[in-house]
């Protein structure tokens, strides 16, 4: 998907060569002030689908070792951050045109469920494994993941 076309490419070229004044810049950015629902849906899909695919690959790769998961954690973290930014923009009502769509996307409950499932669950799982191995000993923070 492409953004709106600029009406005057020469004006853009002039702004590149010399610093723009505020009015010219505001006029140039006018097409981007309104929310675009089609673009919003597209951005949401290209963020959520790869995140779910990477998440599934990480889970599938756990039997073969942790290195694949660690390598894929970097793009997964970037996509999770992007998903948070989309949710944040929806909270301001600036991602979709409709108020209801923005409210559904920005629901803190939905993001909290995803956050707990993706980020908090592995930590709780690790702590429960440590507690089963040594129910009397509390792990030190520096040694938190060594027993997982």
N, C-alpha and C. Protein backbone atom coordinates (compact mmCIF):
# COMPACT_ATOMS: atom_id res chain seq x y z
N UNK A 1 0.84 -1.18 0.00
CA UNK A 1 0.00 0.00 0.00
C UNK A 1 0.88 1.23 0.00
N UNK A 2 0.46 2.21 -0.71
CA UNK A 2 1.23 3.44 -0.79
C UNK A 2 0.46 4.55 -0.10
N UNK A 3 1.20 5.52 0.37
CA UNK A 3 0.58 6.68 1.00
C UNK A 3 -0.02 7.60 -0.04
N UNK A 4 -0.65 8.68 0.38
CA UNK A 4 -1.24 9.61 -0.58
C UNK A 4 -0.16 10.25 -1.45
N UNK A 5 -0.50 10.50 -2.68
CA UNK A 5 0.44 11.13 -3.61
C UNK A 5 0.50 12.63 -3.33
N UNK A 6 1.70 13.16 -3.43
CA UNK A 6 1.88 14.59 -3.23
C UNK A 6 1.45 15.33 -4.49
N UNK A 7 0.75 16.44 -4.30
CA UNK A 7 0.20 17.17 -5.43
C UNK A 7 1.29 17.86 -6.25
N UNK A 8 2.33 18.32 -5.61
CA UNK A 8 3.33 19.10 -6.31
C UNK A 8 4.74 18.59 -6.00
N UNK A 9 5.28 17.69 -6.83
CA UNK A 9 6.63 17.16 -6.56
C UNK A 9 7.71 18.24 -6.58
N UNK A 10 7.50 19.32 -7.34
CA UNK A 10 8.48 20.41 -7.38
C UNK A 10 8.58 21.08 -6.00
N UNK A 11 7.44 21.20 -5.31
CA UNK A 11 7.46 21.80 -3.98
C UNK A 11 8.27 20.94 -3.01
N UNK A 12 8.17 19.63 -3.16
CA UNK A 12 8.96 18.73 -2.32
C UNK A 12 10.44 18.92 -2.61
N UNK A 13 10.79 19.01 -3.88
CA UNK A 13 12.19 19.20 -4.27
C UNK A 13 12.73 20.52 -3.72
N UNK A 14 11.91 21.57 -3.78
CA UNK A 14 12.34 22.87 -3.25
C UNK A 14 12.57 22.80 -1.74
N UNK A 15 11.71 22.03 -1.02
CA UNK A 15 11.87 21.91 0.43
C UNK A 15 13.12 21.13 0.80
N UNK A 16 13.50 20.19 -0.04
CA UNK A 16 14.71 19.43 0.22
C UNK A 16 15.94 20.32 0.10
N UNK A 17 15.92 21.22 -0.87
CA UNK A 17 17.08 22.07 -1.12
C UNK A 17 17.19 23.23 -0.14
N UNK A 18 16.07 23.74 0.34
CA UNK A 18 16.10 24.83 1.31
C UNK A 18 15.14 24.50 2.45
N UNK A 19 15.41 25.00 3.65
CA UNK A 19 14.53 24.68 4.79
C UNK A 19 13.11 25.17 4.54
N UNK A 20 12.10 24.34 4.84
CA UNK A 20 10.71 24.74 4.59
C UNK A 20 10.19 25.68 5.67
N UNK A 21 9.24 26.49 5.29
CA UNK A 21 8.57 27.29 6.30
C UNK A 21 7.41 26.46 6.86
N UNK A 22 6.87 26.88 7.98
CA UNK A 22 5.87 26.09 8.70
C UNK A 22 4.61 25.87 7.87
N UNK A 23 4.14 26.89 7.15
CA UNK A 23 2.91 26.75 6.37
C UNK A 23 3.09 25.75 5.23
N UNK A 24 4.21 25.83 4.56
CA UNK A 24 4.45 24.91 3.45
C UNK A 24 4.55 23.48 3.95
N UNK A 25 5.18 23.31 5.09
CA UNK A 25 5.30 21.98 5.65
C UNK A 25 3.95 21.45 6.11
N UNK A 26 3.13 22.28 6.73
CA UNK A 26 1.79 21.88 7.15
C UNK A 26 0.94 21.50 5.94
N UNK A 27 1.06 22.26 4.86
CA UNK A 27 0.31 21.95 3.64
C UNK A 27 0.77 20.62 3.04
N UNK A 28 2.06 20.39 3.09
CA UNK A 28 2.62 19.16 2.54
C UNK A 28 2.16 17.93 3.33
N UNK A 29 1.99 18.07 4.64
CA UNK A 29 1.62 16.95 5.49
C UNK A 29 0.11 16.78 5.68
N UNK A 30 -0.69 17.63 5.08
CA UNK A 30 -2.15 17.58 5.22
C UNK A 30 -2.74 16.21 4.91
N UNK A 31 -2.32 15.50 3.85
CA UNK A 31 -2.93 14.19 3.57
C UNK A 31 -2.71 13.16 4.68
N UNK A 32 -1.74 13.36 5.54
CA UNK A 32 -1.43 12.39 6.58
C UNK A 32 -2.12 12.69 7.91
N UNK A 33 -2.94 13.72 7.97
CA UNK A 33 -3.61 14.08 9.22
C UNK A 33 -4.77 13.16 9.54
N UNK A 34 -5.42 12.63 8.54
CA UNK A 34 -6.60 11.80 8.74
C UNK A 34 -6.20 10.33 8.85
N UNK A 35 -6.93 9.61 9.69
CA UNK A 35 -6.70 8.18 9.83
C UNK A 35 -7.19 7.47 8.57
N UNK A 36 -6.51 6.40 8.20
CA UNK A 36 -6.86 5.61 7.02
C UNK A 36 -7.11 4.19 7.51
N UNK A 37 -8.36 3.77 7.50
CA UNK A 37 -8.73 2.46 8.03
C UNK A 37 -8.07 1.33 7.26
N UNK A 38 -8.04 1.42 5.93
CA UNK A 38 -7.42 0.36 5.13
C UNK A 38 -5.94 0.24 5.47
N UNK A 39 -5.28 1.35 5.59
CA UNK A 39 -3.86 1.33 5.94
C UNK A 39 -3.66 0.80 7.36
N UNK A 40 -4.57 1.15 8.26
CA UNK A 40 -4.49 0.67 9.63
C UNK A 40 -4.63 -0.84 9.72
N UNK A 41 -5.59 -1.39 8.99
CA UNK A 41 -5.78 -2.84 8.97
C UNK A 41 -4.54 -3.52 8.39
N UNK A 42 -4.02 -2.96 7.30
CA UNK A 42 -2.82 -3.51 6.67
C UNK A 42 -1.65 -3.53 7.66
N UNK A 43 -1.42 -2.42 8.36
CA UNK A 43 -0.31 -2.34 9.32
C UNK A 43 -0.50 -3.32 10.47
N UNK A 44 -1.74 -3.48 10.92
CA UNK A 44 -2.02 -4.43 11.99
C UNK A 44 -1.75 -5.86 11.55
N UNK A 45 -2.16 -6.21 10.33
CA UNK A 45 -1.95 -7.56 9.81
C UNK A 45 -0.46 -7.85 9.62
N UNK A 46 0.27 -6.89 9.03
CA UNK A 46 1.71 -7.15 8.79
C UNK A 46 2.52 -7.10 10.08
N UNK A 47 1.90 -6.79 11.19
CA UNK A 47 2.57 -6.85 12.48
C UNK A 47 2.18 -8.12 13.23
N UNK A 48 0.89 -8.42 13.30
CA UNK A 48 0.41 -9.54 14.09
C UNK A 48 0.76 -10.89 13.45
N UNK A 49 0.58 -11.02 12.15
CA UNK A 49 0.84 -12.30 11.50
C UNK A 49 2.30 -12.73 11.63
N UNK A 50 3.28 -11.86 11.31
CA UNK A 50 4.67 -12.29 11.51
C UNK A 50 5.00 -12.57 12.98
N UNK A 51 4.41 -11.80 13.90
CA UNK A 51 4.66 -12.06 15.32
C UNK A 51 4.17 -13.45 15.71
N UNK A 52 2.99 -13.82 15.26
CA UNK A 52 2.46 -15.15 15.58
C UNK A 52 3.28 -16.26 14.92
N UNK A 53 3.73 -16.02 13.70
CA UNK A 53 4.56 -17.02 13.01
C UNK A 53 5.89 -17.20 13.74
N UNK A 54 6.53 -16.10 14.10
CA UNK A 54 7.81 -16.19 14.82
C UNK A 54 7.60 -16.86 16.17
N UNK A 55 6.53 -16.51 16.84
CA UNK A 55 6.23 -17.10 18.15
C UNK A 55 6.05 -18.61 18.01
N UNK A 56 5.33 -19.07 16.98
CA UNK A 56 5.12 -20.50 16.76
C UNK A 56 6.44 -21.21 16.42
N UNK A 57 7.28 -20.56 15.62
CA UNK A 57 8.58 -21.15 15.26
C UNK A 57 9.47 -21.26 16.50
N UNK A 58 9.43 -20.27 17.36
CA UNK A 58 10.21 -20.33 18.61
C UNK A 58 9.75 -21.52 19.45
N UNK A 59 8.44 -21.68 19.60
CA UNK A 59 7.92 -22.80 20.38
C UNK A 59 8.30 -24.14 19.76
N UNK A 60 8.21 -24.23 18.43
CA UNK A 60 8.55 -25.48 17.74
C UNK A 60 10.05 -25.77 17.85
N UNK A 61 10.86 -24.75 17.93
CA UNK A 61 12.32 -24.94 17.95
C UNK A 61 12.86 -25.22 19.35
N UNK A 62 12.02 -25.14 20.37
CA UNK A 62 12.51 -25.37 21.73
C UNK A 62 13.08 -26.77 21.92
N UNK A 63 12.57 -27.75 21.17
CA UNK A 63 13.09 -29.11 21.29
C UNK A 63 14.50 -29.23 20.74
N UNK A 64 14.88 -28.36 19.85
CA UNK A 64 16.19 -28.43 19.21
C UNK A 64 17.23 -27.54 19.87
N UNK A 65 16.84 -26.79 20.85
CA UNK A 65 17.78 -25.91 21.53
C UNK A 65 17.23 -24.50 21.62
N UNK A 66 17.93 -23.71 22.41
CA UNK A 66 17.46 -22.35 22.67
C UNK A 66 18.01 -21.31 21.70
N UNK A 67 19.02 -21.65 20.92
CA UNK A 67 19.66 -20.65 20.07
C UNK A 67 18.73 -20.11 19.00
N UNK A 68 17.93 -20.95 18.39
CA UNK A 68 17.00 -20.47 17.37
C UNK A 68 16.00 -19.50 18.00
N UNK A 69 15.52 -19.87 19.17
CA UNK A 69 14.59 -18.99 19.88
C UNK A 69 15.21 -17.66 20.26
N UNK A 70 16.47 -17.72 20.69
CA UNK A 70 17.14 -16.47 21.05
C UNK A 70 17.35 -15.59 19.83
N UNK A 71 17.69 -16.18 18.70
CA UNK A 71 17.86 -15.39 17.48
C UNK A 71 16.54 -14.77 17.02
N UNK A 72 15.47 -15.54 17.12
CA UNK A 72 14.17 -15.04 16.69
C UNK A 72 13.53 -14.11 17.70
N UNK A 73 14.06 -14.06 18.91
CA UNK A 73 13.50 -13.17 19.93
C UNK A 73 13.69 -11.70 19.56
N UNK A 74 14.75 -11.40 18.82
CA UNK A 74 15.01 -10.01 18.45
C UNK A 74 13.92 -9.47 17.52
N UNK A 75 13.63 -10.13 16.37
CA UNK A 75 12.53 -9.60 15.56
C UNK A 75 11.18 -9.70 16.25
N UNK A 76 10.99 -10.72 17.10
CA UNK A 76 9.73 -10.82 17.84
C UNK A 76 9.56 -9.64 18.79
N UNK A 77 10.65 -9.23 19.43
CA UNK A 77 10.59 -8.07 20.32
C UNK A 77 10.26 -6.80 19.55
N UNK A 78 10.85 -6.66 18.36
CA UNK A 78 10.54 -5.50 17.53
C UNK A 78 9.08 -5.47 17.12
N UNK A 79 8.54 -6.63 16.75
CA UNK A 79 7.13 -6.69 16.36
C UNK A 79 6.22 -6.45 17.55
N UNK A 80 6.61 -6.94 18.72
CA UNK A 80 5.81 -6.69 19.92
C UNK A 80 5.81 -5.20 20.27
N UNK A 81 6.96 -4.56 20.10
CA UNK A 81 7.03 -3.11 20.32
C UNK A 81 6.15 -2.37 19.32
N UNK A 82 6.20 -2.80 18.05
CA UNK A 82 5.35 -2.19 17.03
C UNK A 82 3.87 -2.39 17.36
N UNK A 83 3.52 -3.57 17.85
CA UNK A 83 2.13 -3.83 18.24
C UNK A 83 1.72 -2.92 19.39
N UNK A 84 2.63 -2.68 20.32
CA UNK A 84 2.34 -1.75 21.41
C UNK A 84 2.12 -0.34 20.87
N UNK A 85 2.95 0.08 19.90
CA UNK A 85 2.79 1.43 19.34
C UNK A 85 1.46 1.57 18.61
N UNK A 86 1.05 0.52 17.91
CA UNK A 86 -0.26 0.55 17.24
C UNK A 86 -1.36 0.66 18.29
N UNK A 87 -1.25 -0.12 19.35
CA UNK A 87 -2.25 -0.06 20.41
C UNK A 87 -2.28 1.32 21.05
N UNK A 88 -1.11 1.92 21.21
CA UNK A 88 -1.02 3.26 21.79
C UNK A 88 -1.69 4.29 20.88
N UNK A 89 -1.42 4.22 19.58
CA UNK A 89 -2.06 5.14 18.63
C UNK A 89 -3.57 4.96 18.62
N UNK A 90 -4.03 3.71 18.74
CA UNK A 90 -5.47 3.47 18.80
C UNK A 90 -6.07 4.10 20.06
N UNK A 91 -5.30 4.08 21.14
CA UNK A 91 -5.78 4.71 22.37
C UNK A 91 -6.00 6.20 22.22
N UNK A 92 -5.26 6.83 21.32
CA UNK A 92 -5.44 8.25 21.03
C UNK A 92 -6.48 8.48 19.94
N UNK A 93 -7.02 7.40 19.36
CA UNK A 93 -8.03 7.52 18.32
C UNK A 93 -7.46 7.96 16.98
N UNK A 94 -6.20 7.67 16.75
CA UNK A 94 -5.57 8.17 15.53
C UNK A 94 -5.15 7.09 14.55
N UNK A 95 -5.57 5.85 14.77
CA UNK A 95 -5.13 4.78 13.89
C UNK A 95 -6.22 4.38 12.88
N UNK A 96 -7.44 4.23 13.36
CA UNK A 96 -8.58 3.93 12.50
C UNK A 96 -9.51 5.13 12.47
N UNK A 97 -10.35 5.20 11.45
CA UNK A 97 -11.30 6.32 11.38
C UNK A 97 -12.40 6.19 12.41
N UNK A 98 -12.87 4.96 12.62
CA UNK A 98 -13.98 4.74 13.54
C UNK A 98 -13.54 4.71 15.00
N UNK A 99 -14.34 5.30 15.85
CA UNK A 99 -14.04 5.33 17.28
C UNK A 99 -14.08 3.92 17.88
N UNK A 100 -15.06 3.13 17.45
CA UNK A 100 -15.21 1.79 18.00
C UNK A 100 -14.00 0.90 17.64
N UNK A 101 -13.52 1.01 16.41
CA UNK A 101 -12.35 0.22 15.99
C UNK A 101 -11.13 0.61 16.81
N UNK A 102 -10.94 1.90 17.04
CA UNK A 102 -9.81 2.35 17.86
C UNK A 102 -9.93 1.84 19.29
N UNK A 103 -11.15 1.84 19.83
CA UNK A 103 -11.35 1.36 21.20
C UNK A 103 -11.09 -0.14 21.30
N UNK A 104 -11.53 -0.90 20.30
CA UNK A 104 -11.30 -2.34 20.31
C UNK A 104 -9.81 -2.66 20.22
N UNK A 105 -9.11 -1.92 19.39
CA UNK A 105 -7.67 -2.16 19.20
C UNK A 105 -6.87 -1.72 20.42
N UNK A 106 -7.33 -0.68 21.09
CA UNK A 106 -6.54 -0.12 22.20
C UNK A 106 -6.90 -0.71 23.55
N UNK A 107 -7.79 -1.67 23.58
CA UNK A 107 -8.20 -2.24 24.86
C UNK A 107 -7.00 -2.71 25.66
N UNK A 108 -6.83 -2.16 26.82
CA UNK A 108 -5.70 -2.54 27.66
C UNK A 108 -5.80 -3.99 28.09
N UNK A 109 -7.03 -4.47 28.21
CA UNK A 109 -7.22 -5.86 28.61
C UNK A 109 -6.64 -6.80 27.55
N UNK A 110 -6.88 -6.50 26.27
CA UNK A 110 -6.35 -7.35 25.21
C UNK A 110 -4.82 -7.34 25.22
N UNK A 111 -4.23 -6.17 25.35
CA UNK A 111 -2.77 -6.08 25.35
C UNK A 111 -2.20 -6.74 26.60
N UNK A 112 -2.88 -6.60 27.71
CA UNK A 112 -2.38 -7.21 28.95
C UNK A 112 -2.39 -8.72 28.86
N UNK A 113 -3.43 -9.30 28.25
CA UNK A 113 -3.48 -10.75 28.07
C UNK A 113 -2.31 -11.20 27.21
N UNK A 114 -2.07 -10.49 26.11
CA UNK A 114 -0.95 -10.86 25.23
C UNK A 114 0.38 -10.70 25.98
N UNK A 115 0.51 -9.64 26.74
CA UNK A 115 1.74 -9.39 27.48
C UNK A 115 1.98 -10.50 28.50
N UNK A 116 0.94 -10.87 29.25
CA UNK A 116 1.10 -11.91 30.25
C UNK A 116 1.42 -13.25 29.61
N UNK A 117 0.78 -13.55 28.51
CA UNK A 117 0.97 -14.85 27.87
C UNK A 117 2.35 -14.95 27.22
N UNK A 118 2.79 -13.88 26.57
CA UNK A 118 4.06 -13.94 25.84
C UNK A 118 5.25 -13.68 26.75
N UNK A 119 5.14 -12.73 27.66
CA UNK A 119 6.30 -12.32 28.44
C UNK A 119 6.33 -12.87 29.86
N UNK A 120 5.20 -12.85 30.57
CA UNK A 120 5.22 -13.24 31.97
C UNK A 120 5.18 -14.75 32.18
N UNK A 121 4.50 -15.46 31.30
CA UNK A 121 4.37 -16.90 31.48
C UNK A 121 5.72 -17.62 31.50
N UNK A 122 6.68 -17.33 30.60
CA UNK A 122 7.97 -18.03 30.68
C UNK A 122 8.69 -17.80 32.01
N UNK A 123 8.58 -16.60 32.57
CA UNK A 123 9.22 -16.32 33.85
C UNK A 123 8.56 -17.14 34.96
N UNK A 124 7.23 -17.19 34.97
CA UNK A 124 6.53 -17.98 35.99
C UNK A 124 6.85 -19.47 35.84
N UNK A 125 6.95 -19.93 34.60
CA UNK A 125 7.29 -21.32 34.33
C UNK A 125 8.68 -21.63 34.87
N UNK A 126 9.61 -20.73 34.63
CA UNK A 126 10.98 -20.90 35.10
C UNK A 126 11.01 -20.94 36.63
N UNK A 127 10.32 -20.01 37.27
CA UNK A 127 10.31 -19.97 38.73
C UNK A 127 9.67 -21.22 39.31
N UNK A 128 8.61 -21.74 38.68
CA UNK A 128 7.99 -22.96 39.18
C UNK A 128 8.92 -24.15 39.03
N UNK A 129 9.70 -24.19 37.94
CA UNK A 129 10.68 -25.26 37.78
C UNK A 129 11.75 -25.19 38.86
N UNK A 130 12.20 -23.99 39.17
CA UNK A 130 13.20 -23.83 40.23
C UNK A 130 12.63 -24.25 41.58
N UNK A 131 11.37 -23.90 41.83
CA UNK A 131 10.75 -24.25 43.11
C UNK A 131 10.58 -25.75 43.24
N UNK A 132 10.28 -26.45 42.14
CA UNK A 132 10.13 -27.91 42.20
C UNK A 132 11.46 -28.59 42.48
N UNK A 133 12.54 -28.04 41.93
CA UNK A 133 13.86 -28.65 42.13
C UNK A 133 14.36 -28.44 43.55
N UNK A 134 14.06 -27.31 44.11
CA UNK A 134 14.52 -27.00 45.46
C UNK A 134 13.45 -26.18 46.16
N UNK A 135 12.47 -26.83 46.78
CA UNK A 135 11.36 -26.08 47.37
C UNK A 135 11.75 -25.20 48.55
N UNK A 136 12.87 -25.48 49.19
CA UNK A 136 13.25 -24.69 50.36
C UNK A 136 14.10 -23.48 50.00
N UNK A 137 14.76 -23.52 48.87
CA UNK A 137 15.69 -22.45 48.51
C UNK A 137 15.04 -21.45 47.57
N UNK A 138 15.25 -20.18 47.85
CA UNK A 138 14.79 -19.13 46.96
C UNK A 138 15.93 -18.79 46.03
N UNK A 139 15.68 -18.73 44.71
CA UNK A 139 16.77 -18.40 43.79
C UNK A 139 17.17 -16.94 43.88
N UNK A 140 18.45 -16.70 43.75
CA UNK A 140 18.94 -15.31 43.69
C UNK A 140 18.60 -14.75 42.33
N UNK A 141 18.41 -13.43 42.25
CA UNK A 141 18.06 -12.82 40.97
C UNK A 141 19.12 -13.05 39.92
N UNK A 142 20.37 -13.10 40.32
CA UNK A 142 21.44 -13.30 39.33
C UNK A 142 21.44 -14.72 38.79
N UNK A 143 20.81 -15.66 39.51
CA UNK A 143 20.79 -17.05 39.10
C UNK A 143 19.39 -17.51 38.70
N UNK A 144 18.56 -16.57 38.28
CA UNK A 144 17.15 -16.83 38.06
C UNK A 144 16.89 -17.84 36.95
N UNK A 145 17.59 -17.71 35.83
CA UNK A 145 17.30 -18.55 34.67
C UNK A 145 18.21 -19.78 34.58
N UNK A 146 19.12 -19.97 35.50
CA UNK A 146 20.06 -21.08 35.37
C UNK A 146 19.40 -22.43 35.54
N UNK A 147 18.31 -22.52 36.26
CA UNK A 147 17.66 -23.80 36.48
C UNK A 147 16.60 -24.15 35.48
N UNK A 148 16.35 -23.29 34.51
CA UNK A 148 15.30 -23.53 33.53
C UNK A 148 15.72 -24.55 32.51
